[in-house]
Amino acid sequence: MTTSIAVTIAGSDSGGGAGIQADLKTFSACGVYGASAVVALTAQNTLGVRRVEAVGLEMVADQIDAVAEDLRPAAWKTGMLGTAEIIAVVVVALLGSVLAVAVPARRAASASVVAALRYE
């Protein structure tokens, strides 16, 4: 039996409770091999987010391409993408793929990011 592969495209949570870290834990608990593409770094803990820094667009695209080329994921999941430009890179990279978009319980995105996601 082959293990399914899923990729999360999201921010990294330095506190480990959300983002890429939480997604990979969930994949593992479900028996799925997890890979990732990091689109933002955060400085955060259980008390709050101190800082968010976006990863460059070319690096985001390169991570997605590298994972897709070698691992052939069965599914992709997005979390916080952070900017309209990153959303556009992800949409272009994943055209035709199975994609799950996470909607956070509290709104963490700016109006321009929400508009870009709806447009794409």
PDB file of N, CA and C in Angstrom:
ATOM      1  N   MET A   1       0.834  -1.185   0.000  1.00  0.00           N
ATOM      2  CA  MET A   1       0.000   0.000   0.000  1.00  0.00           C
ATOM      3  C   MET A   1       0.873   1.240   0.000  1.00  0.00           C
ATOM      4  N   THR A   2       0.532   2.207  -0.815  1.00  0.00           N
ATOM      5  CA  THR A   2       1.289   3.440  -0.917  1.00  0.00           C
ATOM      6  C   THR A   2       0.733   4.489   0.038  1.00  0.00           C
ATOM      7  N   THR A   3       1.621   5.221   0.684  1.00  0.00           N
ATOM      8  CA  THR A   3       1.202   6.302   1.575  1.00  0.00           C
ATOM      9  C   THR A   3       0.826   7.513   0.747  1.00  0.00           C
ATOM     10  N   SER A   4      -0.326   8.099   1.046  1.00  0.00           N
ATOM     11  CA  SER A   4      -0.748   9.315   0.357  1.00  0.00           C
ATOM     12  C   SER A   4       0.137  10.482   0.769  1.00  0.00           C
ATOM     13  N   ILE A   5       0.299  11.422  -0.148  1.00  0.00           N
ATOM     14  CA  ILE A   5       1.119  12.603   0.106  1.00  0.00           C
ATOM     15  C   ILE A   5       0.244  13.839  -0.024  1.00  0.00           C
ATOM     16  N   ALA A   6       0.331  14.723   0.968  1.00  0.00           N
ATOM     17  CA  ALA A   6      -0.367  16.007   0.937  1.00  0.00           C
ATOM     18  C   ALA A   6       0.652  17.103   1.226  1.00  0.00           C
ATOM     19  N   VAL A   7       0.410  18.266   0.634  1.00  0.00           N
ATOM     20  CA  VAL A   7       1.309  19.401   0.826  1.00  0.00           C
ATOM     21  C   VAL A   7       0.522  20.559   1.406  1.00  0.00           C
ATOM     22  N   THR A   8       1.076  21.179   2.426  1.00  0.00           N
ATOM     23  CA  THR A   8       0.500  22.397   2.976  1.00  0.00           C
ATOM     24  C   THR A   8       1.312  23.594   2.506  1.00  0.00           C
ATOM     25  N   ILE A   9       0.611  24.613   2.068  1.00  0.00           N
ATOM     26  CA  ILE A   9       1.229  25.863   1.642  1.00  0.00           C
ATOM     27  C   ILE A   9       0.702  26.920   2.606  1.00  0.00           C
ATOM     28  N   ALA A  10       1.575  27.391   3.483  1.00  0.00           N
ATOM     29  CA  ALA A  10       1.106  28.269   4.552  1.00  0.00           C
ATOM     30  C   ALA A  10       2.284  28.947   5.243  1.00  0.00           C
ATOM     31  N   GLY A  11       1.954  29.677   6.295  1.00  0.00           N
ATOM     32  CA  GLY A  11       2.969  30.318   7.110  1.00  0.00           C
ATOM     33  C   GLY A  11       3.506  29.367   8.158  1.00  0.00           C
ATOM     34  N   SER A  12       4.697  29.676   8.638  1.00  0.00           N
ATOM     35  CA  SER A  12       5.317  28.906   9.707  1.00  0.00           C
ATOM     36  C   SER A  12       4.995  29.576  11.036  1.00  0.00           C
ATOM     37  N   ASP A  13       4.546  28.794  11.996  1.00  0.00           N
ATOM     38  CA  ASP A  13       4.209  29.289  13.330  1.00  0.00           C
ATOM     39  C   ASP A  13       5.311  28.886  14.293  1.00  0.00           C
ATOM     40  N   SER A  14       6.093  29.856  14.743  1.00  0.00           N
ATOM     41  CA  SER A  14       7.217  29.545  15.636  1.00  0.00           C
ATOM     42  C   SER A  14       6.770  28.926  16.951  1.00  0.00           C
ATOM     43  N   GLY A  15       5.514  29.129  17.325  1.00  0.00           N
ATOM     44  CA  GLY A  15       4.982  28.519  18.541  1.00  0.00           C
ATOM     45  C   GLY A  15       4.508  27.098  18.336  1.00  0.00           C
ATOM     46  N   GLY A  16       4.382  26.664  17.090  1.00  0.00           N
ATOM     47  CA  GLY A  16       4.024  25.289  16.773  1.00  0.00           C
ATOM     48  C   GLY A  16       2.552  24.940  16.838  1.00  0.00           C
ATOM     49  N   GLY A  17       1.697  25.900  17.164  1.00  0.00           N
ATOM     50  CA  GLY A  17       0.284  25.600  17.333  1.00  0.00           C
ATOM     51  C   GLY A  17      -0.586  25.807  16.117  1.00  0.00           C
ATOM     52  N   ALA A  18      -0.033  26.356  15.062  1.00  0.00           N
ATOM     53  CA  ALA A  18      -0.825  26.638  13.852  1.00  0.00           C
ATOM     54  C   ALA A  18       0.092  26.536  12.636  1.00  0.00           C
ATOM     55  N   GLY A  19      -0.447  26.919  11.495  1.00  0.00           N
ATOM     56  CA  GLY A  19       0.357  26.970  10.282  1.00  0.00           C
ATOM     57  C   GLY A  19       0.915  25.625   9.850  1.00  0.00           C
ATOM     58  N   ILE A  20       2.053  25.699   9.177  1.00  0.00           N
ATOM     59  CA  ILE A  20       2.721  24.520   8.640  1.00  0.00           C
ATOM     60  C   ILE A  20       2.907  23.442   9.716  1.00  0.00           C
ATOM     61  N   GLN A  21       3.346  23.866  10.883  1.00  0.00           N
ATOM     62  CA  GLN A  21       3.631  22.894  11.940  1.00  0.00           C
ATOM     63  C   GLN A  21       2.384  22.100  12.322  1.00  0.00           C
ATOM     64  N   ALA A  22       1.273  22.774  12.514  1.00  0.00           N
ATOM     65  CA  ALA A  22       0.029  22.085  12.882  1.00  0.00           C
ATOM     66  C   ALA A  22      -0.463  21.199  11.740  1.00  0.00           C
ATOM     67  N   ASP A  23      -0.348  21.689  10.509  1.00  0.00           N
ATOM     68  CA  ASP A  23      -0.784  20.891   9.361  1.00  0.00           C
ATOM     69  C   ASP A  23       0.007  19.590   9.257  1.00  0.00           C
ATOM     70  N   LEU A  24       1.317  19.671   9.412  1.00  0.00           N
ATOM     71  CA  LEU A  24       2.144  18.466   9.307  1.00  0.00           C
ATOM     72  C   LEU A  24       1.823  17.464  10.415  1.00  0.00           C
ATOM     73  N   LYS A  25       1.542  17.964  11.617  1.00  0.00           N
ATOM     74  CA  LYS A  25       1.128  17.066  12.709  1.00  0.00           C
ATOM     75  C   LYS A  25      -0.184  16.368  12.356  1.00  0.00           C
ATOM     76  N   THR A  26      -1.120  17.119  11.795  1.00  0.00           N
ATOM     77  CA  THR A  26      -2.419  16.559  11.419  1.00  0.00           C
ATOM     78  C   THR A  26      -2.266  15.521  10.316  1.00  0.00           C
ATOM     79  N   PHE A  27      -1.480  15.834   9.294  1.00  0.00           N
ATOM     80  CA  PHE A  27      -1.236  14.868   8.221  1.00  0.00           C
ATOM     81  C   PHE A  27      -0.696  13.562   8.807  1.00  0.00           C
ATOM     82  N   SER A  28       0.301  13.683   9.671  1.00  0.00           N
ATOM     83  CA  SER A  28       0.924  12.501  10.262  1.00  0.00           C
ATOM     84  C   SER A  28      -0.075  11.688  11.074  1.00  0.00           C
ATOM     85  N   ALA A  29      -0.900  12.367  11.851  1.00  0.00           N
ATOM     86  CA  ALA A  29      -1.904  11.672  12.666  1.00  0.00           C
ATOM     87  C   ALA A  29      -2.910  10.920  11.803  1.00  0.00           C
ATOM     88  N   CYS A  30      -3.093  11.389  10.563  1.00  0.00           N
ATOM     89  CA  CYS A  30      -4.032  10.744   9.630  1.00  0.00           C
ATOM     90  C   CYS A  30      -3.346   9.719   8.736  1.00  0.00           C
ATOM     91  N   GLY A  31      -2.061   9.466   8.965  1.00  0.00           N
ATOM     92  CA  GLY A  31      -1.338   8.490   8.163  1.00  0.00           C
ATOM     93  C   GLY A  31      -0.929   8.993   6.791  1.00  0.00           C
ATOM     94  N   VAL A  32      -0.870  10.310   6.633  1.00  0.00           N
ATOM     95  CA  VAL A  32      -0.513  10.935   5.358  1.00  0.00           C
ATOM     96  C   VAL A  32       0.890  11.516   5.475  1.00  0.00           C
ATOM     97  N   TYR A  33       1.708  11.303   4.440  1.00  0.00           N
ATOM     98  CA  TYR A  33       3.034  11.912   4.403  1.00  0.00           C
ATOM     99  C   TYR A  33       2.853  13.387   4.080  1.00  0.00           C
ATOM    100  N   GLY A  34       3.414  14.266   4.892  1.00  0.00           N
ATOM    101  CA  GLY A  34       3.242  15.695   4.694  1.00  0.00           C
ATOM    102  C   GLY A  34       4.492  16.382   4.204  1.00  0.00           C
ATOM    103  N   ALA A  35       4.315  17.247   3.221  1.00  0.00           N
ATOM    104  CA  ALA A  35       5.375  18.117   2.727  1.00  0.00           C
ATOM    105  C   ALA A  35       4.850  19.546   2.826  1.00  0.00           C
ATOM    106  N   SER A  36       5.728  20.525   2.569  1.00  0.00           N
ATOM    107  CA  SER A  36       5.284  21.903   2.756  1.00  0.00           C
ATOM    108  C   SER A  36       5.976  22.885   1.832  1.00  0.00           C
ATOM    109  N   ALA A  37       5.319  24.021   1.668  1.00  0.00           N
ATOM    110  CA  ALA A  37       5.896  25.201   1.036  1.00  0.00           C
ATOM    111  C   ALA A  37       5.597  26.355   1.984  1.00  0.00           C
ATOM    112  N   VAL A  38       6.631  26.973   2.514  1.00  0.00           N
ATOM    113  CA  VAL A  38       6.479  28.037   3.491  1.00  0.00           C
ATOM    114  C   VAL A  38       6.359  29.373   2.763  1.00  0.00           C
ATOM    115  N   VAL A  39       5.274  30.109   3.034  1.00  0.00           N
ATOM    116  CA  VAL A  39       5.055  31.398   2.367  1.00  0.00           C
ATOM    117  C   VAL A  39       5.276  32.586   3.282  1.00  0.00           C
ATOM    118  N   ALA A  40       5.359  32.336   4.584  1.00  0.00           N
ATOM    119  CA  ALA A  40       5.600  33.415   5.540  1.00  0.00           C
ATOM    120  C   ALA A  40       6.207  32.844   6.810  1.00  0.00           C
ATOM    121  N   LEU A  41       7.016  33.660   7.456  1.00  0.00           N
ATOM    122  CA  LEU A  41       7.583  33.312   8.746  1.00  0.00           C
ATOM    123  C   LEU A  41       6.905  34.182   9.787  1.00  0.00           C
ATOM    124  N   THR A  42       6.598  33.604  10.919  1.00  0.00           N
ATOM    125  CA  THR A  42       6.004  34.390  11.983  1.00  0.00           C
ATOM    126  C   THR A  42       6.842  34.287  13.244  1.00  0.00           C
ATOM    127  N   ALA A  43       6.768  35.320  14.045  1.00  0.00           N
ATOM    128  CA  ALA A  43       7.296  35.295  15.400  1.00  0.00           C
ATOM    129  C   ALA A  43       6.056  35.331  16.272  1.00  0.00           C
ATOM    130  N   GLN A  44       5.699  34.172  16.818  1.00  0.00           N
ATOM    131  CA  GLN A  44       4.479  34.106  17.608  1.00  0.00           C
ATOM    132  C   GLN A  44       4.577  33.035  18.666  1.00  0.00           C
ATOM    133  N   ASN A  45       3.657  33.126  19.605  1.00  0.00           N
ATOM    134  CA  ASN A  45       3.541  32.135  20.661  1.00  0.00           C
ATOM    135  C   ASN A  45       2.062  32.038  21.020  1.00  0.00           C
ATOM    136  N   THR A  46       1.751  31.423  22.136  1.00  0.00           N
ATOM    137  CA  THR A  46       0.342  31.272  22.505  1.00  0.00           C
ATOM    138  C   THR A  46      -0.305  32.595  22.894  1.00  0.00           C
ATOM    139  N   LEU A  47       0.488  33.619  23.123  1.00  0.00           N
ATOM    140  CA  LEU A  47      -0.049  34.927  23.515  1.00  0.00           C
ATOM    141  C   LEU A  47      -0.368  35.831  22.331  1.00  0.00           C
ATOM    142  N   GLY A  48       0.224  35.551  21.173  1.00  0.00           N
ATOM    143  CA  GLY A  48      -0.076  36.377  20.014  1.00  0.00           C
ATOM    144  C   GLY A  48       1.022  36.391  18.969  1.00  0.00           C
ATOM    145  N   VAL A  49       0.740  37.076  17.892  1.00  0.00           N
ATOM    146  CA  VAL A  49       1.680  37.211  16.769  1.00  0.00           C
ATOM    147  C   VAL A  49       2.458  38.512  16.936  1.00  0.00           C
ATOM    148  N   ARG A  50       3.771  38.421  16.915  1.00  0.00           N
ATOM    149  CA  ARG A  50       4.619  39.606  17.053  1.00  0.00           C
ATOM    150  C   ARG A  50       5.051  40.180  15.714  1.00  0.00           C
ATOM    151  N   ARG A  51       5.263  39.276  14.746  1.00  0.00           N
ATOM    152  CA  ARG A  51       5.775  39.747  13.452  1.00  0.00           C
ATOM    153  C   ARG A  51       5.495  38.699  12.388  1.00  0.00           C
ATOM    154  N   VAL A  52       5.224  39.155  11.168  1.00  0.00           N
ATOM    155  CA  VAL A  52       5.037  38.278  10.013  1.00  0.00           C
ATOM    156  C   VAL A  52       5.908  38.802   8.884  1.00  0.00           C
ATOM    157  N   GLU A  53       6.646  37.910   8.249  1.00  0.00           N
ATOM    158  CA  GLU A  53       7.484  38.292   7.120  1.00  0.00           C
ATOM    159  C   GLU A  53       7.240  37.333   5.961  1.00  0.00           C
ATOM    160  N   ALA A  54       6.842  37.868   4.823  1.00  0.00           N
ATOM    161  CA  ALA A  54       6.538  37.047   3.648  1.00  0.00           C
ATOM    162  C   ALA A  54       7.818  36.522   3.000  1.00  0.00           C
ATOM    163  N   VAL A  55       7.725  35.326   2.446  1.00  0.00           N
ATOM    164  CA  VAL A  55       8.809  34.728   1.672  1.00  0.00           C
ATOM    165  C   VAL A  55       8.707  35.269   0.247  1.00  0.00           C
ATOM    166  N   GLY A  56       9.817  35.419  -0.441  1.00  0.00           N
ATOM    167  CA  GLY A  56       9.827  35.931  -1.806  1.00  0.00           C
ATOM    168  C   GLY A  56       9.017  35.069  -2.766  1.00  0.00           C
ATOM    169  N   LEU A  57       8.438  35.703  -3.773  1.00  0.00           N
ATOM    170  CA  LEU A  57       7.559  35.015  -4.719  1.00  0.00           C
ATOM    171  C   LEU A  57       8.264  33.887  -5.466  1.00  0.00           C
ATOM    172  N   GLU A  58       9.490  34.108  -5.902  1.00  0.00           N
ATOM    173  CA  GLU A  58      10.223  33.068  -6.630  1.00  0.00           C
ATOM    174  C   GLU A  58      10.488  31.861  -5.730  1.00  0.00           C
ATOM    175  N   MET A  59      10.781  32.113  -4.470  1.00  0.00           N
ATOM    176  CA  MET A  59      11.027  31.014  -3.535  1.00  0.00           C
ATOM    177  C   MET A  59       9.753  30.218  -3.297  1.00  0.00           C
ATOM    178  N   VAL A  60       8.614  30.896  -3.197  1.00  0.00           N
ATOM    179  CA  VAL A  60       7.337  30.193  -3.031  1.00  0.00           C
ATOM    180  C   VAL A  60       7.101  29.282  -4.240  1.00  0.00           C
ATOM    181  N   ALA A  61       7.248  29.832  -5.432  1.00  0.00           N
ATOM    182  CA  ALA A  61       7.042  29.054  -6.656  1.00  0.00           C
ATOM    183  C   ALA A  61       8.027  27.886  -6.745  1.00  0.00           C
ATOM    184  N   ASP A  62       9.278  28.126  -6.383  1.00  0.00           N
ATOM    185  CA  ASP A  62      10.291  27.065  -6.442  1.00  0.00           C
ATOM    186  C   ASP A  62       9.990  25.930  -5.467  1.00  0.00           C
ATOM    187  N   GLN A  63       9.508  26.264  -4.272  1.00  0.00           N
ATOM    188  CA  GLN A  63       9.153  25.217  -3.305  1.00  0.00           C
ATOM    189  C   GLN A  63       8.027  24.338  -3.852  1.00  0.00           C
ATOM    190  N   ILE A  64       6.991  24.973  -4.394  1.00  0.00           N
ATOM    191  CA  ILE A  64       5.851  24.228  -4.939  1.00  0.00           C
ATOM    192  C   ILE A  64       6.299  23.342  -6.089  1.00  0.00           C
ATOM    193  N   ASP A  65       7.094  23.902  -7.001  1.00  0.00           N
ATOM    194  CA  ASP A  65       7.587  23.130  -8.151  1.00  0.00           C
ATOM    195  C   ASP A  65       8.437  21.941  -7.710  1.00  0.00           C
ATOM    196  N   ALA A  66       9.322  22.165  -6.734  1.00  0.00           N
ATOM    197  CA  ALA A  66      10.209  21.094  -6.275  1.00  0.00           C
ATOM    198  C   ALA A  66       9.412  19.944  -5.673  1.00  0.00           C
ATOM    199  N   VAL A  67       8.439  20.261  -4.848  1.00  0.00           N
ATOM    200  CA  VAL A  67       7.632  19.217  -4.208  1.00  0.00           C
ATOM    201  C   VAL A  67       6.794  18.483  -5.255  1.00  0.00           C
ATOM    202  N   ALA A  68       6.170  19.235  -6.162  1.00  0.00           N
ATOM    203  CA  ALA A  68       5.308  18.624  -7.178  1.00  0.00           C
ATOM    204  C   ALA A  68       6.102  17.706  -8.110  1.00  0.00           C
ATOM    205  N   GLU A  69       7.298  18.126  -8.471  1.00  0.00           N
ATOM    206  CA  GLU A  69       8.127  17.367  -9.401  1.00  0.00           C
ATOM    207  C   GLU A  69       8.518  15.995  -8.847  1.00  0.00           C
ATOM    208  N   ASP A  70       8.850  15.946  -7.579  1.00  0.00           N
ATOM    209  CA  ASP A  70       9.373  14.717  -7.004  1.00  0.00           C
ATOM    210  C   ASP A  70       8.332  13.873  -6.280  1.00  0.00           C
ATOM    211  N   LEU A  71       7.484  14.490  -5.491  1.00  0.00           N
ATOM    212  CA  LEU A  71       6.592  13.737  -4.617  1.00  0.00           C
ATOM    213  C   LEU A  71       5.223  13.410  -5.216  1.00  0.00           C
ATOM    214  N   ARG A  72       4.801  14.148  -6.216  1.00  0.00           N
ATOM    215  CA  ARG A  72       3.499  13.910  -6.849  1.00  0.00           C
ATOM    216  C   ARG A  72       2.367  13.845  -5.815  1.00  0.00           C
ATOM    217  N   PRO A  73       2.098  14.949  -5.119  1.00  0.00           N
ATOM    218  CA  PRO A  73       1.088  14.949  -4.060  1.00  0.00           C
ATOM    219  C   PRO A  73      -0.316  14.633  -4.569  1.00  0.00           C
ATOM    220  N   ALA A  74      -1.077  13.963  -3.726  1.00  0.00           N
ATOM    221  CA  ALA A  74      -2.483  13.675  -4.030  1.00  0.00           C
ATOM    222  C   ALA A  74      -3.361  14.882  -3.718  1.00  0.00           C
ATOM    223  N   ALA A  75      -2.915  15.727  -2.792  1.00  0.00           N
ATOM    224  CA  ALA A  75      -3.715  16.894  -2.397  1.00  0.00           C
ATOM    225  C   ALA A  75      -2.816  18.010  -1.902  1.00  0.00           C
ATOM    226  N   TRP A  76      -3.342  19.221  -2.022  1.00  0.00           N
ATOM    227  CA  TRP A  76      -2.667  20.432  -1.547  1.00  0.00           C
ATOM    228  C   TRP A  76      -3.625  21.153  -0.608  1.00  0.00           C
ATOM    229  N   LYS A  77      -3.083  21.741   0.438  1.00  0.00           N
ATOM    230  CA  LYS A  77      -3.884  22.509   1.398  1.00  0.00           C
ATOM    231  C   LYS A  77      -3.230  23.861   1.596  1.00  0.00           C
ATOM    232  N   THR A  78      -4.028  24.905   1.598  1.00  0.00           N
ATOM    233  CA  THR A  78      -3.460  26.220   1.890  1.00  0.00           C
ATOM    234  C   THR A  78      -3.930  26.710   3.246  1.00  0.00           C
ATOM    235  N   GLY A  79      -3.080  27.496   3.842  1.00  0.00           N
ATOM    236  CA  GLY A  79      -3.397  28.207   5.074  1.00  0.00           C
ATOM    237  C   GLY A  79      -3.245  29.686   4.798  1.00  0.00           C
ATOM    238  N   MET A  80      -2.594  30.385   5.703  1.00  0.00           N
ATOM    239  CA  MET A  80      -2.370  31.816   5.521  1.00  0.00           C
ATOM    240  C   MET A  80      -1.399  32.023   4.354  1.00  0.00           C
ATOM    241  N   LEU A  81      -1.867  32.712   3.332  1.00  0.00           N
ATOM    242  CA  LEU A  81      -1.003  33.011   2.195  1.00  0.00           C
ATOM    243  C   LEU A  81      -0.425  34.422   2.290  1.00  0.00           C
ATOM    244  N   GLY A  82      -1.083  35.295   2.986  1.00  0.00           N
ATOM    245  CA  GLY A  82      -0.488  36.569   3.361  1.00  0.00           C
ATOM    246  C   GLY A  82      -0.628  37.739   2.421  1.00  0.00           C
ATOM    247  N   THR A  83      -0.361  37.538   1.128  1.00  0.00           N
ATOM    248  CA  THR A  83      -0.444  38.658   0.182  1.00  0.00           C
ATOM    249  C   THR A  83      -1.165  38.231  -1.093  1.00  0.00           C
ATOM    250  N   ALA A  84      -1.700  39.210  -1.788  1.00  0.00           N
ATOM    251  CA  ALA A  84      -2.367  38.939  -3.059  1.00  0.00           C
ATOM    252  C   ALA A  84      -1.385  38.349  -4.070  1.00  0.00           C
ATOM    253  N   GLU A  85      -0.139  38.788  -4.018  1.00  0.00           N
ATOM    254  CA  GLU A  85       0.871  38.284  -4.952  1.00  0.00           C
ATOM    255  C   GLU A  85       1.178  36.802  -4.700  1.00  0.00           C
ATOM    256  N   ILE A  86       1.255  36.414  -3.440  1.00  0.00           N
ATOM    257  CA  ILE A  86       1.499  35.007  -3.123  1.00  0.00           C
ATOM    258  C   ILE A  86       0.311  34.158  -3.555  1.00  0.00           C
ATOM    259  N   ILE A  87      -0.895  34.661  -3.353  1.00  0.00           N
ATOM    260  CA  ILE A  87      -2.082  33.934  -3.812  1.00  0.00           C
ATOM    261  C   ILE A  87      -1.987  33.681  -5.316  1.00  0.00           C
ATOM    262  N   ALA A  88      -1.604  34.691  -6.079  1.00  0.00           N
ATOM    263  CA  ALA A  88      -1.496  34.545  -7.532  1.00  0.00           C
ATOM    264  C   ALA A  88      -0.463  33.483  -7.903  1.00  0.00           C
ATOM    265  N   VAL A  89       0.677  33.467  -7.224  1.00  0.00           N
ATOM    266  CA  VAL A  89       1.720  32.461  -7.486  1.00  0.00           C
ATOM    267  C   VAL A  89       1.183  31.059  -7.207  1.00  0.00           C
ATOM    268  N   VAL A  90       0.485  30.895  -6.098  1.00  0.00           N
ATOM    269  CA  VAL A  90      -0.053  29.585  -5.722  1.00  0.00           C
ATOM    270  C   VAL A  90      -1.113  29.126  -6.717  1.00  0.00           C
ATOM    271  N   VAL A  91      -1.996  30.023  -7.112  1.00  0.00           N
ATOM    272  CA  VAL A  91      -3.051  29.669  -8.068  1.00  0.00           C
ATOM    273  C   VAL A  91      -2.449  29.188  -9.382  1.00  0.00           C
ATOM    274  N   VAL A  92      -1.489  29.918  -9.900  1.00  0.00           N
ATOM    275  CA  VAL A  92      -0.858  29.537 -11.168  1.00  0.00           C
ATOM    276  C   VAL A  92      -0.138  28.196 -11.028  1.00  0.00           C
ATOM    277  N   ALA A  93       0.556  27.996  -9.918  1.00  0.00           N
ATOM    278  CA  ALA A  93       1.321  26.759  -9.713  1.00  0.00           C
ATOM    279  C   ALA A  93       0.422  25.534  -9.574  1.00  0.00           C
ATOM    280  N   LEU A  94      -0.783  25.728  -9.049  1.00  0.00           N
ATOM    281  CA  LEU A  94      -1.631  24.586  -8.737  1.00  0.00           C
ATOM    282  C   LEU A  94      -2.839  24.424  -9.648  1.00  0.00           C
ATOM    283  N   LEU A  95      -2.870  25.098 -10.765  1.00  0.00           N
ATOM    284  CA  LEU A  95      -4.002  24.939 -11.676  1.00  0.00           C
ATOM    285  C   LEU A  95      -4.212  23.467 -11.989  1.00  0.00           C
ATOM    286  N   GLY A  96      -5.428  22.996 -11.793  1.00  0.00           N
ATOM    287  CA  GLY A  96      -5.757  21.606 -12.073  1.00  0.00           C
ATOM    288  C   GLY A  96      -5.511  20.650 -10.923  1.00  0.00           C
ATOM    289  N   SER A  97      -4.975  21.123  -9.807  1.00  0.00           N
ATOM    290  CA  SER A  97      -4.714  20.264  -8.654  1.00  0.00           C
ATOM    291  C   SER A  97      -5.902  20.252  -7.698  1.00  0.00           C
ATOM    292  N   VAL A  98      -5.944  19.237  -6.849  1.00  0.00           N
ATOM    293  CA  VAL A  98      -6.938  19.173  -5.782  1.00  0.00           C
ATOM    294  C   VAL A  98      -6.444  20.088  -4.667  1.00  0.00           C
ATOM    295  N   LEU A  99      -7.261  21.059  -4.277  1.00  0.00           N
ATOM    296  CA  LEU A  99      -6.828  22.074  -3.325  1.00  0.00           C
ATOM    297  C   LEU A  99      -7.874  22.296  -2.253  1.00  0.00           C
ATOM    298  N   ALA A 100      -7.430  22.343  -1.012  1.00  0.00           N
ATOM    299  CA  ALA A 100      -8.302  22.708   0.114  1.00  0.00           C
ATOM    300  C   ALA A 100      -7.818  24.037   0.657  1.00  0.00           C
ATOM    301  N   VAL A 101      -8.725  24.976   0.832  1.00  0.00           N
ATOM    302  CA  VAL A 101      -8.373  26.298   1.350  1.00  0.00           C
ATOM    303  C   VAL A 101      -8.878  26.400   2.779  1.00  0.00           C
ATOM    304  N   ALA A 102      -7.984  26.710   3.694  1.00  0.00           N
ATOM    305  CA  ALA A 102      -8.369  26.850   5.100  1.00  0.00           C
ATOM    306  C   ALA A 102      -8.940  28.241   5.338  1.00  0.00           C
ATOM    307  N   VAL A 103     -10.053  28.296   6.040  1.00  0.00           N
ATOM    308  CA  VAL A 103     -10.659  29.575   6.401  1.00  0.00           C
ATOM    309  C   VAL A 103     -10.534  29.714   7.914  1.00  0.00           C
ATOM    310  N   PRO A 104      -9.704  30.658   8.372  1.00  0.00           N
ATOM    311  CA  PRO A 104      -9.477  30.777   9.808  1.00  0.00           C
ATOM    312  C   PRO A 104     -10.716  31.241  10.561  1.00  0.00           C
ATOM    313  N   ALA A 105     -10.783  30.859  11.825  1.00  0.00           N
ATOM    314  CA  ALA A 105     -11.915  31.255  12.667  1.00  0.00           C
ATOM    315  C   ALA A 105     -11.961  32.761  12.856  1.00  0.00           C
ATOM    316  N   ARG A 106     -10.819  33.387  12.916  1.00  0.00           N
ATOM    317  CA  ARG A 106     -10.803  34.841  13.005  1.00  0.00           C
ATOM    318  C   ARG A 106     -10.080  35.379  11.778  1.00  0.00           C
ATOM    319  N   ARG A 107     -10.516  36.494  11.320  1.00  0.00           N
ATOM    320  CA  ARG A 107      -9.984  37.045  10.083  1.00  0.00           C
ATOM    321  C   ARG A 107      -8.567  37.573  10.276  1.00  0.00           C
ATOM    322  N   ALA A 108      -7.631  36.993   9.531  1.00  0.00           N
ATOM    323  CA  ALA A 108      -6.230  37.389   9.627  1.00  0.00           C
ATOM    324  C   ALA A 108      -5.746  38.044   8.343  1.00  0.00           C
ATOM    325  N   ALA A 109      -6.600  38.120   7.339  1.00  0.00           N
ATOM    326  CA  ALA A 109      -6.184  38.630   6.035  1.00  0.00           C
ATOM    327  C   ALA A 109      -6.695  40.049   5.810  1.00  0.00           C
ATOM    328  N   SER A 110      -5.921  40.803   5.069  1.00  0.00           N
ATOM    329  CA  SER A 110      -6.344  42.155   4.708  1.00  0.00           C
ATOM    330  C   SER A 110      -7.404  42.075   3.614  1.00  0.00           C
ATOM    331  N   ALA A 111      -8.102  43.172   3.390  1.00  0.00           N
ATOM    332  CA  ALA A 111      -9.149  43.214   2.366  1.00  0.00           C
ATOM    333  C   ALA A 111      -8.589  42.893   0.982  1.00  0.00           C
ATOM    334  N   SER A 112      -7.361  43.340   0.670  1.00  0.00           N
ATOM    335  CA  SER A 112      -6.785  43.078  -0.651  1.00  0.00           C
ATOM    336  C   SER A 112      -6.486  41.594  -0.846  1.00  0.00           C
ATOM    337  N   VAL A 113      -6.088  40.911   0.219  1.00  0.00           N
ATOM    338  CA  VAL A 113      -5.813  39.476   0.132  1.00  0.00           C
ATOM    339  C   VAL A 113      -7.114  38.706  -0.093  1.00  0.00           C
ATOM    340  N   VAL A 114      -8.161  39.075   0.633  1.00  0.00           N
ATOM    341  CA  VAL A 114      -9.461  38.420   0.468  1.00  0.00           C
ATOM    342  C   VAL A 114      -9.977  38.648  -0.954  1.00  0.00           C
ATOM    343  N   ALA A 115      -9.851  39.851  -1.465  1.00  0.00           N
ATOM    344  CA  ALA A 115     -10.301  40.155  -2.831  1.00  0.00           C
ATOM    345  C   ALA A 115      -9.513  39.349  -3.859  1.00  0.00           C
ATOM    346  N   ALA A 116      -8.216  39.195  -3.664  1.00  0.00           N
ATOM    347  CA  ALA A 116      -7.394  38.420  -4.596  1.00  0.00           C
ATOM    348  C   ALA A 116      -7.793  36.961  -4.593  1.00  0.00           C
ATOM    349  N   LEU A 117      -8.058  36.404  -3.426  1.00  0.00           N
ATOM    350  CA  LEU A 117      -8.462  35.008  -3.332  1.00  0.00           C
ATOM    351  C   LEU A 117      -9.793  34.789  -4.040  1.00  0.00           C
ATOM    352  N   ARG A 118     -10.730  35.712  -3.853  1.00  0.00           N
ATOM    353  CA  ARG A 118     -12.014  35.597  -4.527  1.00  0.00           C
ATOM    354  C   ARG A 118     -11.855  35.727  -6.037  1.00  0.00           C
ATOM    355  N   TYR A 119     -10.991  36.621  -6.484  1.00  0.00           N
ATOM    356  CA  TYR A 119     -10.778  36.852  -7.917  1.00  0.00           C
ATOM    357  C   TYR A 119     -10.142  35.648  -8.569  1.00  0.00           C
ATOM    358  N   GLU A 120      -9.103  35.112  -7.943  1.00  0.00           N
ATOM    359  CA  GLU A 120      -8.355  33.995  -8.528  1.00  0.00           C
ATOM    360  C   GLU A 120      -9.218  32.757  -8.544  1.00  0.00           C
TER     361      GLU A 120
END
